[in-house]
């Protein structure tokens, strides 16, 4: 949690600043109103004094990953990404009024609602995995609620490829309460099995009102104590009378110390939640997963791209229909500036020629005046 004040909002053409939404370690988020089409949007902008190659790589990857996946109904929609006039990269995203950041600690969320949310976010994760991408930071605060009450997965800022490429640096980033033992021990930087753990830990948190390995009492939940409990991975039942044993069993499997003992995929975890829905007699939440043809389409996200990609001009080649003479190269004279393409160079007129033009022009004006007078007087 950041305790600093937000930075100055960027000046964006076509957008009107409204107010700050939040401040983080690497970026700030502001509420803007887009002028056309008119709608509220969230703008995430990197902090000016910490932008370096590594941060640009993370930013570019987040923009590319979210743009590729945001057609999924349970993944936050990104509208555009660019660089502001003061040089800060920014993302324009769908504005979500609320998140799950503090709600699960304030109130007891109904089991049916949590099951529905778990299936939806599991569908989003499975779609990302089939596209070859890992989220690596699944937790309640990264699940936002849209204006229509739908949960969406956000913040792909530390996303990575499912298959780690040899020779590339691994980034070990974790939110400890929801991180798998192998992540805590830095044995792997990310995997599908670790994502299943984090999703299970998130669903557990929404039901229990605390993360899986928190304990009551002051000083009992330091980072190191949480890590020690996660390494042991001793499952504690949620303890709610309305949580069926079958659901505890699904979560206990997802939070197994051995990655091979967990559900093999996010889709399998979501299916297990659907089975619990069936046992409770509530409607099944559809498993919305992109078909493999879609997941394999499009260019692969380049996680090594650290270029500052700002506004670009179109560079599509086309065959001009103008005559060849009109496509002549631009002529330039040192004393006359630039001549438009296809225009004849200007010729200097002699003094006599200039006088002739002036005299001729005066004669034409006089003749035109005489004709006008003749017609007004009714001449024939």
Protein backbone atom coordinates (compact mmCIF):
# COMPACT_ATOMS: atom_id res chain seq x y z
CA UNK A 1 0.00 0.00 0.00
CA UNK A 2 1.42 3.36 -1.05
CA UNK A 3 1.24 6.25 1.43
CA UNK A 4 2.53 9.00 -0.86
CA UNK A 5 0.44 11.62 -2.65
CA UNK A 6 -0.44 10.95 -6.30
CA UNK A 7 1.73 12.56 -8.97
CA UNK A 8 0.51 15.33 -11.27
CA UNK A 9 -2.09 13.96 -13.71
CA UNK A 10 -0.95 13.88 -17.34
CA UNK A 11 -2.35 16.22 -19.95
CA UNK A 12 -4.09 14.02 -22.52
CA UNK A 13 -5.68 15.26 -25.72
CA UNK A 14 -9.34 14.25 -25.90
CA UNK A 15 -9.61 13.54 -22.15
CA UNK A 16 -10.69 15.68 -19.18
CA UNK A 17 -9.11 15.04 -15.77
CA UNK A 18 -11.56 14.30 -12.92
CA UNK A 19 -9.72 13.03 -9.81
CA UNK A 20 -7.06 10.58 -8.57
CA UNK A 21 -8.05 6.96 -8.01
CA UNK A 22 -4.94 5.46 -6.42
CA UNK A 23 -1.16 5.54 -6.04
CA UNK A 24 1.15 2.55 -6.34
CA UNK A 25 4.84 1.77 -6.25
CA UNK A 26 5.40 2.27 -9.98
CA UNK A 27 2.33 4.10 -11.27
CA UNK A 28 -0.65 6.25 -10.39
CA UNK A 29 -4.23 5.79 -11.56
CA UNK A 30 -6.51 8.74 -12.35
CA UNK A 31 -10.15 9.06 -13.32
CA UNK A 32 -10.58 10.90 -16.63
CA UNK A 33 -13.57 11.50 -18.87
CA UNK A 34 -13.07 10.69 -22.53
CA UNK A 35 -14.63 13.42 -24.67
CA UNK A 36 -15.60 11.33 -27.72
CA UNK A 37 -17.13 8.89 -27.15
CA UNK A 38 -18.05 10.33 -23.76
CA UNK A 39 -17.32 7.85 -20.97
CA UNK A 40 -15.37 7.60 -17.71
CA UNK A 41 -11.98 5.89 -18.02
CA UNK A 42 -9.15 4.95 -15.68
CA UNK A 43 -5.71 6.17 -16.76
CA UNK A 44 -2.67 4.37 -15.35
CA UNK A 45 0.50 6.44 -15.77
CA UNK A 46 4.06 5.50 -14.82
CA UNK A 47 5.95 7.70 -12.37
CA UNK A 48 8.33 10.00 -14.22
CA UNK A 49 11.40 9.55 -12.00
CA UNK A 50 11.50 5.74 -12.05
CA UNK A 51 10.97 4.94 -15.73
CA UNK A 52 13.82 2.70 -16.89
CA UNK A 53 14.26 -0.18 -19.33
CA UNK A 54 12.87 -2.81 -16.95
CA UNK A 55 9.80 -0.76 -16.13
CA UNK A 56 9.18 -0.01 -19.81
CA UNK A 57 9.34 -3.73 -20.54
CA UNK A 58 6.74 -4.39 -17.85
CA UNK A 59 4.55 -1.54 -19.10
CA UNK A 60 4.72 -2.64 -22.75
CA UNK A 61 3.96 -6.23 -21.77
CA UNK A 62 0.98 -5.13 -19.67
CA UNK A 63 -0.42 -3.06 -22.54
CA UNK A 64 0.09 -5.85 -25.08
CA UNK A 65 -1.25 -8.61 -22.82
CA UNK A 66 -4.35 -6.69 -21.78
CA UNK A 67 -5.06 -5.59 -25.35
CA UNK A 68 -4.85 -9.18 -26.50
CA UNK A 69 -7.02 -10.58 -23.71
CA UNK A 70 -9.46 -7.77 -22.94
CA UNK A 71 -12.13 -9.13 -25.28
CA UNK A 72 -12.72 -11.74 -22.57
CA UNK A 73 -15.76 -10.73 -20.45
CA UNK A 74 -13.83 -11.30 -17.20
CA UNK A 75 -10.65 -9.40 -18.09
CA UNK A 76 -10.39 -5.62 -17.74
CA UNK A 77 -10.75 -3.81 -21.07
CA UNK A 78 -7.94 -1.57 -22.31
CA UNK A 79 -8.87 1.23 -24.72
CA UNK A 80 -5.47 2.62 -25.70
CA UNK A 81 -1.85 3.08 -24.62
CA UNK A 82 0.60 5.83 -25.49
CA UNK A 83 3.00 8.43 -24.06
CA UNK A 84 1.75 11.71 -22.60
CA UNK A 85 3.09 15.13 -23.53
CA UNK A 86 5.42 15.10 -20.50
CA UNK A 87 6.97 11.77 -21.55
CA UNK A 88 5.16 9.37 -19.20
CA UNK A 89 3.74 6.12 -20.64
CA UNK A 90 0.08 5.59 -19.84
CA UNK A 91 -2.79 3.11 -20.26
CA UNK A 92 -6.43 4.08 -20.78
CA UNK A 93 -8.65 1.38 -19.29
CA UNK A 94 -12.25 0.61 -18.46
CA UNK A 95 -13.27 2.37 -15.27
CA UNK A 96 -14.47 0.03 -12.51
CA UNK A 97 -16.07 1.78 -9.52
CA UNK A 98 -15.12 -0.86 -6.92
CA UNK A 99 -12.80 -3.78 -6.22
CA UNK A 100 -12.62 -6.63 -3.71
CA UNK A 101 -9.71 -4.99 -1.86
CA UNK A 102 -11.46 -4.49 1.47
CA UNK A 103 -14.93 -5.92 1.01
CA UNK A 104 -14.05 -9.47 2.09
CA UNK A 105 -12.62 -8.13 5.36
CA UNK A 106 -15.66 -5.95 6.08
CA UNK A 107 -18.50 -8.33 5.28
CA UNK A 108 -19.34 -11.98 4.77
CA UNK A 109 -19.68 -12.51 1.03
CA UNK A 110 -22.33 -15.12 0.08
CA UNK A 111 -20.98 -18.50 -0.97
CA UNK A 112 -22.95 -18.47 -4.22
CA UNK A 113 -21.41 -15.12 -5.20
CA UNK A 114 -17.87 -16.35 -4.47
CA UNK A 115 -18.44 -19.54 -6.49
CA UNK A 116 -19.66 -17.50 -9.45
CA UNK A 117 -16.67 -15.17 -9.19
CA UNK A 118 -14.25 -18.10 -8.93
CA UNK A 119 -15.57 -19.68 -12.14
CA UNK A 120 -15.43 -16.37 -14.02
CA UNK A 121 -11.87 -15.52 -12.96
CA UNK A 122 -10.84 -19.13 -13.54
CA UNK A 123 -12.17 -18.77 -17.10
CA UNK A 124 -10.16 -15.59 -17.58
CA UNK A 125 -6.98 -17.26 -16.30
CA UNK A 126 -7.46 -20.33 -18.48
CA UNK A 127 -7.84 -18.06 -21.52
CA UNK A 128 -4.61 -16.26 -20.62
CA UNK A 129 -2.77 -19.57 -20.15
CA UNK A 130 -3.99 -20.88 -23.51
CA UNK A 131 -2.63 -17.69 -25.07
CA UNK A 132 0.74 -18.53 -23.50
CA UNK A 133 0.59 -15.93 -20.72
CA UNK A 134 0.81 -15.97 -16.91
CA UNK A 135 -0.67 -13.28 -14.66
CA UNK A 136 1.64 -13.86 -11.62
CA UNK A 137 -0.21 -11.56 -9.20
CA UNK A 138 -3.67 -12.99 -8.56
CA UNK A 139 -5.18 -11.58 -5.37
CA UNK A 140 -8.43 -9.91 -4.25
CA UNK A 141 -7.24 -6.35 -4.97
CA UNK A 142 -6.62 -7.26 -8.63
CA UNK A 143 -10.23 -8.32 -9.13
CA UNK A 144 -12.27 -5.23 -10.00
CA UNK A 145 -16.04 -4.90 -10.24
CA UNK A 146 -17.46 -3.21 -13.34
CA UNK A 147 -20.34 -0.74 -13.35
CA UNK A 148 -22.64 -3.71 -14.11
CA UNK A 149 -21.41 -5.73 -11.12
CA UNK A 150 -19.25 -8.18 -13.08
CA UNK A 151 -15.82 -9.22 -11.72
CA UNK A 152 -12.84 -8.68 -14.03
CA UNK A 153 -9.18 -9.59 -13.63
CA UNK A 154 -6.82 -6.60 -13.87
CA UNK A 155 -3.16 -5.63 -13.52
CA UNK A 156 -1.07 -7.81 -15.83
CA UNK A 157 1.93 -5.63 -14.98
CA UNK A 158 4.24 -8.54 -14.14
CA UNK A 159 2.81 -11.00 -16.65
CA UNK A 160 5.18 -13.43 -18.31
CA UNK A 161 5.23 -16.19 -20.89
CA UNK A 162 4.12 -19.64 -19.75
CA UNK A 163 7.29 -21.13 -21.24
CA UNK A 164 10.30 -19.29 -19.80
CA UNK A 165 12.95 -18.67 -22.46
CA UNK A 166 16.50 -19.73 -21.60
CA UNK A 167 18.90 -16.84 -21.25
CA UNK A 168 16.28 -14.35 -20.07
CA UNK A 169 16.22 -12.88 -16.58
CA UNK A 170 13.49 -14.12 -14.27
CA UNK A 171 11.65 -11.57 -12.15
CA UNK A 172 10.53 -12.90 -8.76
CA UNK A 173 7.53 -10.77 -7.82
CA UNK A 174 5.04 -11.94 -5.24
CA UNK A 175 2.16 -10.91 -3.04
CA UNK A 176 3.10 -13.19 -0.15
CA UNK A 177 -0.30 -14.05 1.37
CA UNK A 178 -1.49 -15.48 -1.98
CA UNK A 179 1.83 -16.85 -3.33
CA UNK A 180 2.57 -20.58 -3.72
CA UNK A 181 5.43 -22.22 -1.75
CA UNK A 182 7.58 -22.57 -4.86
CA UNK A 183 7.18 -18.84 -5.52
CA UNK A 184 8.01 -17.94 -1.91
CA UNK A 185 11.16 -20.06 -2.12
CA UNK A 186 12.00 -18.51 -5.53
CA UNK A 187 12.25 -21.91 -7.16
CA UNK A 188 10.15 -20.68 -10.09
CA UNK A 189 9.06 -17.19 -11.14
CA UNK A 190 5.67 -18.39 -12.29
CA UNK A 191 3.74 -21.42 -13.52
CA UNK A 192 0.22 -22.63 -14.18
CA UNK A 193 0.32 -24.62 -10.92
CA UNK A 194 1.30 -21.46 -9.00
CA UNK A 195 -1.60 -19.60 -10.65
CA UNK A 196 -4.01 -22.33 -9.49
CA UNK A 197 -2.66 -21.88 -5.94
CA UNK A 198 -3.14 -18.08 -6.06
CA UNK A 199 -6.67 -18.42 -7.41
CA UNK A 200 -7.52 -20.93 -4.69
CA UNK A 201 -6.00 -18.63 -2.05
CA UNK A 202 -8.05 -15.72 -3.42
CA UNK A 203 -11.32 -17.68 -3.29
CA UNK A 204 -10.43 -18.82 0.25
CA UNK A 205 -9.83 -15.18 1.29
CA UNK A 206 -13.21 -14.05 -0.05
CA UNK A 207 -14.95 -16.74 2.00
CA UNK A 208 -12.87 -16.58 5.20
CA UNK A 209 -12.36 -12.83 5.42
CA UNK A 210 -8.58 -13.32 5.59
CA UNK A 211 -5.83 -14.90 3.53
CA UNK A 212 -5.34 -18.68 4.05
CA UNK A 213 -2.34 -18.48 6.38
CA UNK A 214 -3.19 -15.42 8.45
CA UNK A 215 -3.63 -15.97 12.16
CA UNK A 216 -5.44 -13.78 14.71
CA UNK A 217 -3.32 -11.71 17.05
CA UNK A 218 -1.00 -8.77 16.76
CA UNK A 219 2.38 -9.53 15.26
CA UNK A 220 1.32 -12.97 14.00
CA UNK A 221 1.21 -12.10 10.31
CA UNK A 222 4.57 -10.62 9.39
CA UNK A 223 5.96 -11.38 5.96
CA UNK A 224 8.41 -13.96 7.31
CA UNK A 225 5.81 -15.74 9.47
CA UNK A 226 3.44 -15.94 6.50
CA UNK A 227 6.24 -17.37 4.33
CA UNK A 228 6.99 -20.04 6.96
CA UNK A 229 3.33 -21.12 7.11
CA UNK A 230 3.00 -21.14 3.32
CA UNK A 231 6.04 -23.44 3.06
CA UNK A 232 4.30 -25.94 5.34
CA UNK A 233 0.95 -25.43 3.55
CA UNK A 234 -1.21 -26.83 6.34
CA UNK A 235 -4.80 -26.23 5.26
CA UNK A 236 -7.21 -24.72 7.80
CA UNK A 237 -10.95 -25.13 7.04
CA UNK A 238 -12.82 -21.89 6.45
CA UNK A 239 -15.10 -22.41 9.43
CA UNK A 240 -18.32 -20.98 8.00
CA UNK A 241 -21.45 -23.05 8.54
CA UNK A 242 -22.69 -22.25 5.02
CA UNK A 243 -19.47 -23.44 3.36
CA UNK A 244 -19.95 -27.11 2.39
CA UNK A 245 -17.16 -29.65 3.01
CA UNK A 246 -16.91 -30.21 -0.74
CA UNK A 247 -15.79 -26.61 -1.23
CA UNK A 248 -13.18 -26.92 1.52
CA UNK A 249 -11.92 -30.03 -0.27
CA UNK A 250 -11.60 -28.15 -3.60
CA UNK A 251 -9.64 -25.34 -1.93
CA UNK A 252 -7.45 -27.74 0.06
CA UNK A 253 -6.43 -29.42 -3.20
CA UNK A 254 -5.64 -26.06 -4.84
CA UNK A 255 -3.50 -25.13 -1.81
CA UNK A 256 -1.49 -28.36 -1.79
CA UNK A 257 2.20 -27.98 -1.06
CA UNK A 258 3.02 -30.25 -4.00
CA UNK A 259 2.23 -28.49 -7.32
CA UNK A 260 1.43 -31.85 -8.96
CA UNK A 261 -1.34 -32.49 -6.40
CA UNK A 262 -3.27 -29.34 -7.36
CA UNK A 263 -5.82 -29.03 -10.14
CA UNK A 264 -3.92 -29.30 -13.42
CA UNK A 265 -5.33 -26.07 -14.82
CA UNK A 266 -7.45 -23.04 -14.02
CA UNK A 267 -10.23 -24.64 -16.07
CA UNK A 268 -10.16 -27.75 -13.87
CA UNK A 269 -10.33 -25.60 -10.74
CA UNK A 270 -13.30 -23.68 -12.20
CA UNK A 271 -14.99 -26.98 -13.10
CA UNK A 272 -14.59 -28.18 -9.51
CA UNK A 273 -16.39 -25.02 -8.38
CA UNK A 274 -19.17 -25.76 -10.89
CA UNK A 275 -19.56 -29.21 -9.30
CA UNK A 276 -20.02 -27.53 -5.91
CA UNK A 277 -22.64 -25.25 -7.48
CA UNK A 278 -24.46 -28.35 -8.73
CA UNK A 279 -24.32 -29.96 -5.28
CA UNK A 280 -25.77 -26.78 -3.73
CA UNK A 281 -28.56 -26.70 -6.33
CA UNK A 282 -27.61 -23.28 -7.75
CA UNK A 283 -27.28 -22.46 -11.47
CA UNK A 284 -23.93 -23.25 -13.08
CA UNK A 285 -21.76 -20.30 -14.02
CA UNK A 286 -20.64 -20.80 -17.65
CA UNK A 287 -16.96 -21.59 -18.23
CA UNK A 288 -16.03 -18.92 -20.79
CA UNK A 289 -12.76 -19.99 -22.38
CA UNK A 290 -11.49 -18.83 -25.77
CA UNK A 291 -11.18 -21.52 -28.41
CA UNK A 292 -7.66 -22.67 -29.18
CA UNK A 293 -7.77 -21.07 -32.65
CA UNK A 294 -8.24 -17.66 -31.03
CA UNK A 295 -5.59 -18.25 -28.38
CA UNK A 296 -3.01 -19.14 -31.02
CA UNK A 297 -3.84 -16.18 -33.27
CA UNK A 298 -1.95 -12.91 -33.34
CA UNK A 299 1.65 -11.99 -32.70
CA UNK A 300 3.41 -13.31 -29.62
CA UNK A 301 3.82 -10.75 -26.84
CA UNK A 302 7.47 -9.63 -26.70
CA UNK A 303 8.40 -9.45 -23.02
CA UNK A 304 11.86 -8.04 -23.90
CA UNK A 305 10.46 -4.94 -25.63
CA UNK A 306 11.67 -1.86 -23.73
CA UNK A 307 11.00 0.75 -26.41
CA UNK A 308 9.05 3.87 -25.52
CA UNK A 309 6.22 3.30 -27.96
CA UNK A 310 4.27 6.52 -28.36
CA UNK A 311 1.90 7.85 -31.02
CA UNK A 312 2.78 6.64 -34.52
CA UNK A 313 1.94 7.80 -38.02
CA UNK A 314 0.56 5.34 -40.59
CA UNK A 315 3.21 4.09 -43.00
CA UNK A 316 1.15 1.92 -45.37
CA UNK A 317 2.50 2.08 -48.93
CA UNK A 318 -0.05 2.76 -51.69
CA UNK A 319 0.01 3.48 -55.43
CA UNK A 320 -0.77 7.13 -56.15
CA UNK A 321 -3.25 7.91 -58.97
CA UNK A 322 -1.82 11.40 -59.56
CA UNK A 323 0.04 12.04 -62.84
CA UNK A 324 3.76 11.43 -62.81
CA UNK A 325 4.46 15.17 -63.17
CA UNK A 326 2.41 15.87 -60.03
CA UNK A 327 4.54 13.42 -58.09
CA UNK A 328 7.73 15.30 -58.88
CA UNK A 329 10.16 15.76 -56.05
CA UNK A 330 9.95 18.88 -53.94
CA UNK A 331 11.99 21.76 -55.34
CA UNK A 332 13.75 24.14 -53.01
CA UNK A 333 15.50 27.43 -53.50
CA UNK A 334 17.64 28.97 -50.79
CA UNK A 335 15.76 32.27 -50.96
CA UNK A 336 12.25 31.04 -51.68
CA UNK A 337 11.54 28.26 -49.17
CA UNK A 338 9.85 24.99 -50.07
CA UNK A 339 7.79 24.50 -53.24
CA UNK A 340 4.86 22.11 -53.03
CA UNK A 341 5.31 18.75 -54.73
CA UNK A 342 4.23 18.91 -58.38
CA UNK A 343 4.23 22.74 -58.57
CA UNK A 344 6.23 24.62 -61.16
CA UNK A 345 9.12 26.68 -59.74
CA UNK A 346 8.29 30.36 -59.51
CA UNK A 347 9.87 32.64 -62.16
CA UNK A 348 11.13 36.13 -61.34
CA UNK A 349 9.43 38.85 -63.45
CA UNK A 350 11.27 41.81 -64.89
CA UNK A 351 10.25 45.36 -63.99
CA UNK A 352 8.72 45.90 -67.45
CA UNK A 353 6.64 42.77 -67.17
CA UNK A 354 5.36 43.83 -63.78
CA UNK A 355 4.32 47.26 -65.13
CA UNK A 356 2.61 45.56 -68.07
CA UNK A 357 0.60 43.37 -65.75
CA UNK A 358 -0.43 46.33 -63.64
CA UNK A 359 -1.45 48.45 -66.66
CA UNK A 360 -3.29 45.55 -68.27
CA UNK A 361 -5.10 44.85 -65.03
CA UNK A 362 -6.15 48.49 -64.73
CA UNK A 363 -7.46 48.50 -68.29
CA UNK A 364 -9.52 45.39 -67.62
CA UNK A 365 -10.97 46.97 -64.49
CA UNK A 366 -11.89 50.14 -66.43
CA UNK A 367 -13.50 48.13 -69.22
CA UNK A 368 -15.47 46.09 -66.67
CA UNK A 369 -16.74 49.30 -65.04
CA UNK A 370 -17.87 50.75 -68.38
CA UNK A 371 -19.78 47.61 -69.29
CA UNK A 372 -21.50 47.56 -65.90
CA UNK A 373 -22.56 51.25 -66.30
CA UNK A 374 -23.88 50.60 -69.80
CA UNK A 375 -26.05 47.73 -68.61
CA UNK A 376 -27.43 49.69 -65.62
CA UNK A 377 -28.48 52.57 -67.91
CA UNK A 378 -30.43 50.18 -70.08
CA UNK A 379 -28.14 50.30 -73.07
CA UNK A 380 -28.63 47.88 -75.91
